[in-house]
């Protein structure tokens, strides 16, 4: 089934029912994930953002294999160090990030206020007007990313500042089997790179630092 088509999964099995009074009640949520577009348009946009993120991660993995002066400078800029330890962490984490991003489907993206319906085990923070997305680390295996209204109005792909592509990369680094990253420092700016120089041990575990290392042009 094409990811851009307007379909709803209402039950995950199809069998002949021979048991009386065993109907499955299904409640569909017709509210758009983003109020400024249809769910069909949203899914198409997410697929484009995911595919662009996949390309960026692949480019970074290839550069990491070369580990030339340019890529070492990139690591130093965003992560505070370009030593063997930093490279080793990236060599383990980036392929995992690539796999998760390649597997990401539009149905993994939900509205933040729809979390209870997806049985997320920890509470996603309320909307503060500027947050783009969040994940619940204990539910890593579900690969659910909750988005807020601000994400919907964020540019899809403008890599010199915050955008949907960088947000997807940021959130996928949080999964415990990827980088298990934290949110020590926010920002897609020179300020984040300056912070990294004084906090390299934190930068290598910081979601925005990792997203900028992957996605921001030199």
C-alpha atoms as a PDB file:
ATOM      1  CA  UNK A   1       0.000   0.000   0.000  1.00  0.00           C
ATOM      2  CA  UNK A   2       1.517   3.383  -0.983  1.00  0.00           C
ATOM      3  CA  UNK A   3       2.406   5.452   2.098  1.00  0.00           C
ATOM      4  CA  UNK A   4       0.730   8.544   0.647  1.00  0.00           C
ATOM      5  CA  UNK A   5      -2.720   6.988   0.234  1.00  0.00           C
ATOM      6  CA  UNK A   6      -5.551   7.772   2.638  1.00  0.00           C
ATOM      7  CA  UNK A   7      -6.039   4.435   4.427  1.00  0.00           C
ATOM      8  CA  UNK A   8      -6.770   3.628   8.050  1.00  0.00           C
ATOM      9  CA  UNK A   9      -5.727   0.396   9.771  1.00  0.00           C
ATOM     10  CA  UNK A  10      -8.732  -0.618  11.867  1.00  0.00           C
ATOM     11  CA  UNK A  11      -7.635  -4.062  12.985  1.00  0.00           C
ATOM     12  CA  UNK A  12      -4.460  -6.081  12.550  1.00  0.00           C
ATOM     13  CA  UNK A  13      -6.057  -9.432  11.664  1.00  0.00           C
ATOM     14  CA  UNK A  14      -8.637 -10.709   9.195  1.00  0.00           C
ATOM     15  CA  UNK A  15     -10.345 -13.956  10.186  1.00  0.00           C
ATOM     16  CA  UNK A  16     -13.746 -15.577  10.023  1.00  0.00           C
ATOM     17  CA  UNK A  17     -15.560 -14.954  13.288  1.00  0.00           C
ATOM     18  CA  UNK A  18     -17.567 -17.872  14.661  1.00  0.00           C
ATOM     19  CA  UNK A  19     -17.913 -16.558  18.220  1.00  0.00           C
ATOM     20  CA  UNK A  20     -21.169 -14.802  19.096  1.00  0.00           C
ATOM     21  CA  UNK A  21     -20.957 -11.357  20.707  1.00  0.00           C
ATOM     22  CA  UNK A  22     -17.240 -11.028  19.977  1.00  0.00           C
ATOM     23  CA  UNK A  23     -17.257  -7.925  17.818  1.00  0.00           C
ATOM     24  CA  UNK A  24     -14.254  -5.622  17.931  1.00  0.00           C
ATOM     25  CA  UNK A  25     -15.319  -2.012  18.469  1.00  0.00           C
ATOM     26  CA  UNK A  26     -13.137   0.403  16.549  1.00  0.00           C
ATOM     27  CA  UNK A  27     -13.033   4.176  17.064  1.00  0.00           C
ATOM     28  CA  UNK A  28     -11.459   6.192  14.280  1.00  0.00           C
ATOM     29  CA  UNK A  29      -9.905   9.562  15.001  1.00  0.00           C
ATOM     30  CA  UNK A  30     -10.685  11.827  12.015  1.00  0.00           C
ATOM     31  CA  UNK A  31      -8.791  14.833  13.410  1.00  0.00           C
ATOM     32  CA  UNK A  32      -5.800  15.747  11.199  1.00  0.00           C
ATOM     33  CA  UNK A  33      -2.354  15.196  12.675  1.00  0.00           C
ATOM     34  CA  UNK A  34      -1.504  18.705  11.477  1.00  0.00           C
ATOM     35  CA  UNK A  35      -4.302  21.255  11.215  1.00  0.00           C
ATOM     36  CA  UNK A  36      -2.692  22.947   8.201  1.00  0.00           C
ATOM     37  CA  UNK A  37      -2.806  19.872   5.951  1.00  0.00           C
ATOM     38  CA  UNK A  38      -4.700  16.671   5.346  1.00  0.00           C
ATOM     39  CA  UNK A  39      -3.340  13.437   6.749  1.00  0.00           C
ATOM     40  CA  UNK A  40      -2.568  12.322   3.199  1.00  0.00           C
ATOM     41  CA  UNK A  41      -0.469  15.457   2.671  1.00  0.00           C
ATOM     42  CA  UNK A  42       1.169  14.968   6.062  1.00  0.00           C
ATOM     43  CA  UNK A  43       2.198  11.406   5.269  1.00  0.00           C
ATOM     44  CA  UNK A  44       3.661  12.467   1.932  1.00  0.00           C
ATOM     45  CA  UNK A  45       5.646  15.225   3.668  1.00  0.00           C
ATOM     46  CA  UNK A  46       6.928  12.854   6.354  1.00  0.00           C
ATOM     47  CA  UNK A  47       8.089  10.378   3.710  1.00  0.00           C
ATOM     48  CA  UNK A  48      10.038  13.147   1.942  1.00  0.00           C
ATOM     49  CA  UNK A  49      11.582  14.305   5.218  1.00  0.00           C
ATOM     50  CA  UNK A  50      12.484  10.758   6.206  1.00  0.00           C
ATOM     51  CA  UNK A  51      14.067  10.052   2.839  1.00  0.00           C
ATOM     52  CA  UNK A  52      16.123  13.236   3.009  1.00  0.00           C
ATOM     53  CA  UNK A  53      17.254  12.312   6.525  1.00  0.00           C
ATOM     54  CA  UNK A  54      18.274   8.862   5.263  1.00  0.00           C
ATOM     55  CA  UNK A  55      20.412  10.486   2.572  1.00  0.00           C
ATOM     56  CA  UNK A  56      22.108  12.760   5.107  1.00  0.00           C
ATOM     57  CA  UNK A  57      22.900   9.854   7.433  1.00  0.00           C
ATOM     58  CA  UNK A  58      24.338   7.794   4.575  1.00  0.00           C
ATOM     59  CA  UNK A  59      26.524  10.730   3.550  1.00  0.00           C
ATOM     60  CA  UNK A  60      27.804  11.069   7.097  1.00  0.00           C
ATOM     61  CA  UNK A  61      28.552   7.341   7.411  1.00  0.00           C
ATOM     62  CA  UNK A  62      30.595   7.494   4.212  1.00  0.00           C
ATOM     63  CA  UNK A  63      32.490  10.556   5.457  1.00  0.00           C
ATOM     64  CA  UNK A  64      33.101   8.873   8.806  1.00  0.00           C
ATOM     65  CA  UNK A  65      34.751   5.957   6.995  1.00  0.00           C
ATOM     66  CA  UNK A  66      37.162   8.388   5.304  1.00  0.00           C
ATOM     67  CA  UNK A  67      37.663  10.430   8.500  1.00  0.00           C
ATOM     68  CA  UNK A  68      39.578  13.114   6.621  1.00  0.00           C
ATOM     69  CA  UNK A  69      40.415  16.576   7.934  1.00  0.00           C
ATOM     70  CA  UNK A  70      37.032  17.959   6.842  1.00  0.00           C
ATOM     71  CA  UNK A  71      35.004  15.386   8.738  1.00  0.00           C
ATOM     72  CA  UNK A  72      37.243  15.618  11.776  1.00  0.00           C
ATOM     73  CA  UNK A  73      36.675  19.381  11.768  1.00  0.00           C
ATOM     74  CA  UNK A  74      32.932  18.767  11.522  1.00  0.00           C
ATOM     75  CA  UNK A  75      33.018  16.457  14.536  1.00  0.00           C
ATOM     76  CA  UNK A  76      35.111  18.951  16.465  1.00  0.00           C
ATOM     77  CA  UNK A  77      32.676  21.755  15.637  1.00  0.00           C
ATOM     78  CA  UNK A  78      29.473  20.034  16.738  1.00  0.00           C
ATOM     79  CA  UNK A  79      30.686  17.402  19.198  1.00  0.00           C
ATOM     80  CA  UNK A  80      33.682  19.144  20.758  1.00  0.00           C
ATOM     81  CA  UNK A  81      36.175  16.415  19.875  1.00  0.00           C
ATOM     82  CA  UNK A  82      37.451  14.458  16.905  1.00  0.00           C
ATOM     83  CA  UNK A  83      39.315  11.729  18.752  1.00  0.00           C
ATOM     84  CA  UNK A  84      39.094   7.961  18.329  1.00  0.00           C
ATOM     85  CA  UNK A  85      36.523   7.648  21.108  1.00  0.00           C
ATOM     86  CA  UNK A  86      34.180  10.111  19.391  1.00  0.00           C
ATOM     87  CA  UNK A  87      34.645   8.375  16.061  1.00  0.00           C
ATOM     88  CA  UNK A  88      33.973   4.998  17.649  1.00  0.00           C
ATOM     89  CA  UNK A  89      30.693   6.172  19.168  1.00  0.00           C
ATOM     90  CA  UNK A  90      29.615   7.540  15.776  1.00  0.00           C
ATOM     91  CA  UNK A  91      30.637   4.339  13.989  1.00  0.00           C
ATOM     92  CA  UNK A  92      28.307   2.371  16.252  1.00  0.00           C
ATOM     93  CA  UNK A  93      25.449   4.866  16.439  1.00  0.00           C
ATOM     94  CA  UNK A  94      25.107   6.129  12.868  1.00  0.00           C
ATOM     95  CA  UNK A  95      24.294   2.733  11.276  1.00  0.00           C
ATOM     96  CA  UNK A  96      21.689   2.221  13.984  1.00  0.00           C
ATOM     97  CA  UNK A  97      20.275   5.670  13.279  1.00  0.00           C
ATOM     98  CA  UNK A  98      20.142   4.837   9.574  1.00  0.00           C
ATOM     99  CA  UNK A  99      18.244   1.606  10.196  1.00  0.00           C
ATOM    100  CA  UNK A 100      15.679   3.297  12.417  1.00  0.00           C
ATOM    101  CA  UNK A 101      15.187   6.137   9.940  1.00  0.00           C
ATOM    102  CA  UNK A 102      14.806   3.764   6.987  1.00  0.00           C
ATOM    103  CA  UNK A 103      12.167   1.819   8.944  1.00  0.00           C
ATOM    104  CA  UNK A 104      10.267   4.932  10.078  1.00  0.00           C
ATOM    105  CA  UNK A 105       6.700   5.033   8.761  1.00  0.00           C
ATOM    106  CA  UNK A 106       4.181   7.891   8.806  1.00  0.00           C
ATOM    107  CA  UNK A 107       2.082   5.920  11.285  1.00  0.00           C
ATOM    108  CA  UNK A 108       4.949   6.176  13.771  1.00  0.00           C
ATOM    109  CA  UNK A 109       4.263   9.926  13.952  1.00  0.00           C
ATOM    110  CA  UNK A 110       1.343  10.905  16.184  1.00  0.00           C
ATOM    111  CA  UNK A 111      -0.106  14.078  17.651  1.00  0.00           C
ATOM    112  CA  UNK A 112       1.263  14.661  21.151  1.00  0.00           C
ATOM    113  CA  UNK A 113      -2.290  14.663  22.546  1.00  0.00           C
ATOM    114  CA  UNK A 114      -2.954  11.219  21.075  1.00  0.00           C
ATOM    115  CA  UNK A 115      -0.397   9.471  23.249  1.00  0.00           C
ATOM    116  CA  UNK A 116      -2.872   7.622  25.478  1.00  0.00           C
ATOM    117  CA  UNK A 117      -4.409   5.891  22.480  1.00  0.00           C
ATOM    118  CA  UNK A 118      -1.023   4.480  21.523  1.00  0.00           C
ATOM    119  CA  UNK A 119      -0.311   3.125  25.016  1.00  0.00           C
ATOM    120  CA  UNK A 120       2.845   5.140  25.552  1.00  0.00           C
ATOM    121  CA  UNK A 121       4.144   4.311  29.009  1.00  0.00           C
ATOM    122  CA  UNK A 122       5.509   7.730  29.945  1.00  0.00           C
ATOM    123  CA  UNK A 123       3.817  11.090  29.692  1.00  0.00           C
ATOM    124  CA  UNK A 124       4.815  13.351  26.820  1.00  0.00           C
ATOM    125  CA  UNK A 125       5.187  16.944  28.001  1.00  0.00           C
ATOM    126  CA  UNK A 126       2.296  19.364  27.364  1.00  0.00           C
ATOM    127  CA  UNK A 127       2.574  21.762  24.439  1.00  0.00           C
ATOM    128  CA  UNK A 128       4.514  24.923  25.333  1.00  0.00           C
ATOM    129  CA  UNK A 129       4.108  26.500  21.901  1.00  0.00           C
ATOM    130  CA  UNK A 130       7.695  26.041  20.735  1.00  0.00           C
ATOM    131  CA  UNK A 131       8.366  22.315  21.144  1.00  0.00           C
ATOM    132  CA  UNK A 132       8.445  20.324  17.905  1.00  0.00           C
ATOM    133  CA  UNK A 133       8.468  16.690  18.987  1.00  0.00           C
ATOM    134  CA  UNK A 134       9.186  14.196  21.749  1.00  0.00           C
ATOM    135  CA  UNK A 135       9.692  10.488  22.292  1.00  0.00           C
ATOM    136  CA  UNK A 136       9.158   8.168  25.228  1.00  0.00           C
ATOM    137  CA  UNK A 137      12.481   6.396  25.787  1.00  0.00           C
ATOM    138  CA  UNK A 138      11.013   3.406  27.683  1.00  0.00           C
ATOM    139  CA  UNK A 139       8.965   2.696  24.534  1.00  0.00           C
ATOM    140  CA  UNK A 140      11.960   2.628  22.203  1.00  0.00           C
ATOM    141  CA  UNK A 141      10.752  -0.524  20.453  1.00  0.00           C
ATOM    142  CA  UNK A 142       7.528   1.210  19.369  1.00  0.00           C
ATOM    143  CA  UNK A 143       9.420   3.977  17.521  1.00  0.00           C
ATOM    144  CA  UNK A 144       6.650   6.484  18.290  1.00  0.00           C
ATOM    145  CA  UNK A 145       7.420  10.166  17.753  1.00  0.00           C
ATOM    146  CA  UNK A 146       4.859  12.612  19.140  1.00  0.00           C
ATOM    147  CA  UNK A 147       4.719  15.932  17.299  1.00  0.00           C
ATOM    148  CA  UNK A 148       3.354  19.279  18.419  1.00  0.00           C
ATOM    149  CA  UNK A 149       1.615  22.018  16.367  1.00  0.00           C
ATOM    150  CA  UNK A 150       4.919  23.909  16.036  1.00  0.00           C
ATOM    151  CA  UNK A 151       6.335  20.987  14.028  1.00  0.00           C
ATOM    152  CA  UNK A 152       3.493  21.337  11.532  1.00  0.00           C
ATOM    153  CA  UNK A 153       4.432  24.930  10.717  1.00  0.00           C
ATOM    154  CA  UNK A 154       8.188  24.312  10.742  1.00  0.00           C
ATOM    155  CA  UNK A 155       9.867  24.250   7.307  1.00  0.00           C
ATOM    156  CA  UNK A 156      10.266  20.739   6.029  1.00  0.00           C
ATOM    157  CA  UNK A 157      13.868  21.084   4.900  1.00  0.00           C
ATOM    158  CA  UNK A 158      15.913  24.172   5.727  1.00  0.00           C
ATOM    159  CA  UNK A 159      19.047  22.697   7.233  1.00  0.00           C
ATOM    160  CA  UNK A 160      20.632  25.969   8.314  1.00  0.00           C
ATOM    161  CA  UNK A 161      18.106  26.207  11.139  1.00  0.00           C
ATOM    162  CA  UNK A 162      15.451  24.071  12.780  1.00  0.00           C
ATOM    163  CA  UNK A 163      13.290  22.068  10.375  1.00  0.00           C
ATOM    164  CA  UNK A 164      11.320  18.847  10.199  1.00  0.00           C
ATOM    165  CA  UNK A 165      14.223  16.828   8.766  1.00  0.00           C
ATOM    166  CA  UNK A 166      16.529  17.765  11.645  1.00  0.00           C
ATOM    167  CA  UNK A 167      13.721  17.147  14.135  1.00  0.00           C
ATOM    168  CA  UNK A 168      13.285  13.573  12.898  1.00  0.00           C
ATOM    169  CA  UNK A 169      17.036  12.971  13.183  1.00  0.00           C
ATOM    170  CA  UNK A 170      17.076  14.542  16.659  1.00  0.00           C
ATOM    171  CA  UNK A 171      14.216  12.382  17.921  1.00  0.00           C
ATOM    172  CA  UNK A 172      15.567   9.131  16.465  1.00  0.00           C
ATOM    173  CA  UNK A 173      18.910   9.659  18.238  1.00  0.00           C
ATOM    174  CA  UNK A 174      16.981   9.499  21.528  1.00  0.00           C
ATOM    175  CA  UNK A 175      16.041   5.841  21.142  1.00  0.00           C
ATOM    176  CA  UNK A 176      17.968   3.768  23.649  1.00  0.00           C
ATOM    177  CA  UNK A 177      19.281   1.364  21.010  1.00  0.00           C
ATOM    178  CA  UNK A 178      20.544   4.183  18.773  1.00  0.00           C
ATOM    179  CA  UNK A 179      22.494   6.892  20.668  1.00  0.00           C
ATOM    180  CA  UNK A 180      20.321   7.027  23.811  1.00  0.00           C
ATOM    181  CA  UNK A 181      20.815  10.787  23.551  1.00  0.00           C
ATOM    182  CA  UNK A 182      19.731  13.465  26.004  1.00  0.00           C
ATOM    183  CA  UNK A 183      18.619  17.088  25.697  1.00  0.00           C
ATOM    184  CA  UNK A 184      21.456  18.823  27.508  1.00  0.00           C
ATOM    185  CA  UNK A 185      21.479  21.803  25.139  1.00  0.00           C
ATOM    186  CA  UNK A 186      19.153  22.980  22.378  1.00  0.00           C
ATOM    187  CA  UNK A 187      19.843  25.018  19.286  1.00  0.00           C
ATOM    188  CA  UNK A 188      20.811  24.812  15.645  1.00  0.00           C
ATOM    189  CA  UNK A 189      23.337  27.616  15.768  1.00  0.00           C
ATOM    190  CA  UNK A 190      26.914  28.630  16.443  1.00  0.00           C
ATOM    191  CA  UNK A 191      25.990  28.768  20.124  1.00  0.00           C
ATOM    192  CA  UNK A 192      25.578  24.996  20.179  1.00  0.00           C
ATOM    193  CA  UNK A 193      29.005  24.469  18.625  1.00  0.00           C
ATOM    194  CA  UNK A 194      30.600  26.825  21.147  1.00  0.00           C
ATOM    195  CA  UNK A 195      28.924  24.913  23.977  1.00  0.00           C
ATOM    196  CA  UNK A 196      30.314  21.654  22.586  1.00  0.00           C
ATOM    197  CA  UNK A 197      33.908  22.868  22.902  1.00  0.00           C
ATOM    198  CA  UNK A 198      33.500  23.169  26.668  1.00  0.00           C
ATOM    199  CA  UNK A 199      31.258  20.103  27.083  1.00  0.00           C
ATOM    200  CA  UNK A 200      32.434  17.366  24.681  1.00  0.00           C
ATOM    201  CA  UNK A 201      31.400  14.546  27.026  1.00  0.00           C
ATOM    202  CA  UNK A 202      27.847  15.891  26.955  1.00  0.00           C
ATOM    203  CA  UNK A 203      27.837  16.936  23.289  1.00  0.00           C
ATOM    204  CA  UNK A 204      28.406  13.379  22.030  1.00  0.00           C
ATOM    205  CA  UNK A 205      25.218  12.425  23.889  1.00  0.00           C
ATOM    206  CA  UNK A 206      23.237  15.573  23.019  1.00  0.00           C
ATOM    207  CA  UNK A 207      20.445  15.116  20.472  1.00  0.00           C
ATOM    208  CA  UNK A 208      20.734  18.526  18.792  1.00  0.00           C
ATOM    209  CA  UNK A 209      24.535  18.199  18.600  1.00  0.00           C
ATOM    210  CA  UNK A 210      24.209  14.834  16.871  1.00  0.00           C
ATOM    211  CA  UNK A 211      21.491  16.151  14.536  1.00  0.00           C
ATOM    212  CA  UNK A 212      23.657  19.112  13.553  1.00  0.00           C
ATOM    213  CA  UNK A 213      26.682  16.860  12.985  1.00  0.00           C
ATOM    214  CA  UNK A 214      24.568  14.735  10.636  1.00  0.00           C
ATOM    215  CA  UNK A 215      22.555  17.400   8.885  1.00  0.00           C
ATOM    216  CA  UNK A 216      24.070  20.883   8.911  1.00  0.00           C
ATOM    217  CA  UNK A 217      26.124  21.809   5.853  1.00  0.00           C
ATOM    218  CA  UNK A 218      29.767  22.715   6.404  1.00  0.00           C
END
